[in-house]
Amino acid sequence: MSLEDPFFVVRGEVQKAVNTVRGLHQRWCELLQDGAAVGREELDWTTNELRNGLRSIEWDLEDLEETIDILGSAHMPFQMCRLGD
C-alpha cells in the first residue's frame, strides 16, 4: 500500500480540474460571442459542465482544508517515514 501526502493527491486533482475548466470557459466565451450562430443545446451543456467543474474544485479545496485542520489540531504531528527506516 502506498502512502501519499493528501496535499499532493488533491493538488493533482485540482490541477486537472482547473485545466478542464479553463477549456470549458474558453469554449463558453466563444459560444457567447457567436450568439445566435450556436445551438442553445451546446451553450447549455457547456454552461452546466463549467458550473459542475467549478463546484468540484470548490469541494476538493474544502476537503483539503478540512484535512489540514484535522492534522493541525492532532496531538501527534503527521509524520511520514522514509523507505528503509
Protein backbone atom coordinates (compact mmCIF):
# COMPACT_ATOMS: atom_id res chain seq x y z
CA MET A 1 0.00 0.00 0.00
CA SER A 2 1.36 3.39 -0.96
CA LEU A 3 1.02 6.30 1.44
CA GLU A 4 0.69 9.58 -0.38
CA ASP A 5 0.55 13.01 1.17
CA PRO A 6 -3.10 14.12 0.78
CA PHE A 7 -1.92 17.57 -0.28
CA PHE A 8 -0.24 16.22 -3.39
CA VAL A 9 -3.17 13.96 -4.24
CA VAL A 10 -5.68 16.81 -4.03
CA ARG A 11 -3.31 19.22 -5.77
CA GLY A 12 -3.16 16.86 -8.75
CA GLU A 13 -6.93 16.50 -8.85
CA VAL A 14 -7.45 20.25 -8.60
CA GLN A 15 -4.87 21.00 -11.30
CA LYS A 16 -6.54 18.54 -13.68
CA ALA A 17 -9.95 20.06 -12.95
CA VAL A 18 -8.62 23.60 -13.42
CA ASN A 19 -7.23 22.67 -16.83
CA THR A 20 -10.59 21.20 -17.84
CA VAL A 21 -12.48 24.24 -16.56
CA ARG A 22 -10.16 26.59 -18.46
CA GLY A 23 -11.01 24.83 -21.71
CA LEU A 24 -14.72 24.89 -20.91
CA HIS A 25 -14.54 28.58 -20.03
CA GLN A 26 -12.81 29.37 -23.30
CA ARG A 27 -15.48 27.46 -25.25
CA TRP A 28 -18.26 29.09 -23.21
CA CYS A 29 -16.89 32.56 -24.09
CA GLU A 30 -16.74 31.59 -27.77
CA LEU A 31 -20.34 30.39 -27.66
CA LEU A 32 -21.48 33.62 -26.05
CA GLN A 33 -19.70 35.69 -28.69
CA ASP A 34 -21.19 33.67 -31.55
CA GLY A 35 -24.68 34.40 -30.25
CA ALA A 36 -27.46 33.04 -32.45
CA ALA A 37 -24.99 31.11 -34.64
CA VAL A 38 -24.62 28.40 -31.99
CA GLY A 39 -27.17 25.95 -30.75
CA ARG A 40 -28.75 26.57 -27.39
CA GLU A 41 -28.11 22.93 -26.50
CA GLU A 42 -24.32 23.29 -26.75
CA LEU A 43 -24.36 26.51 -24.74
CA ASP A 44 -26.49 24.90 -22.03
CA TRP A 45 -24.26 21.81 -21.90
CA THR A 46 -21.07 23.88 -21.69
CA THR A 47 -22.56 26.14 -19.00
CA ASN A 48 -23.60 23.11 -16.96
CA GLU A 49 -20.20 21.42 -17.29
CA LEU A 50 -18.44 24.65 -16.33
CA ARG A 51 -20.56 25.00 -13.19
CA ASN A 52 -20.02 21.35 -12.26
CA GLY A 53 -16.27 21.69 -12.74
CA LEU A 54 -16.09 24.75 -10.53
CA ARG A 55 -18.16 23.03 -7.83
CA SER A 56 -15.86 20.03 -7.96
CA ILE A 57 -12.81 22.25 -7.47
CA GLU A 58 -14.51 24.00 -4.57
CA TRP A 59 -15.32 20.66 -2.90
CA ASP A 60 -11.78 19.37 -3.37
CA LEU A 61 -10.37 22.52 -1.79
CA GLU A 62 -12.82 22.26 1.12
CA ASP A 63 -11.75 18.64 1.67
CA LEU A 64 -8.11 19.69 1.65
CA GLU A 65 -8.81 22.49 4.12
CA GLU A 66 -10.59 20.05 6.46
CA THR A 67 -7.67 17.63 6.22
CA ILE A 68 -5.19 20.38 7.07
CA ASP A 69 -7.34 21.47 10.02
CA ILE A 70 -7.52 17.90 11.33
CA LEU A 71 -3.78 17.40 11.01
CA GLY A 72 -3.09 20.78 12.59
CA SER A 73 -5.23 20.01 15.62
CA ALA A 74 -3.96 16.46 16.12
CA HIS A 75 -1.89 15.83 19.24
CA MET A 76 0.63 13.83 17.26
CA PRO A 77 2.09 15.56 14.21
CA PHE A 78 1.60 13.89 10.85
CA GLN A 79 4.87 12.10 10.17
CA MET A 80 5.99 10.32 7.05
CA CYS A 81 8.72 7.73 7.42
CA ARG A 82 11.31 7.20 4.74
CA LEU A 83 11.51 3.91 2.91
CA GLY A 84 14.02 1.66 4.57
CA ASP A 85 13.57 3.09 8.09
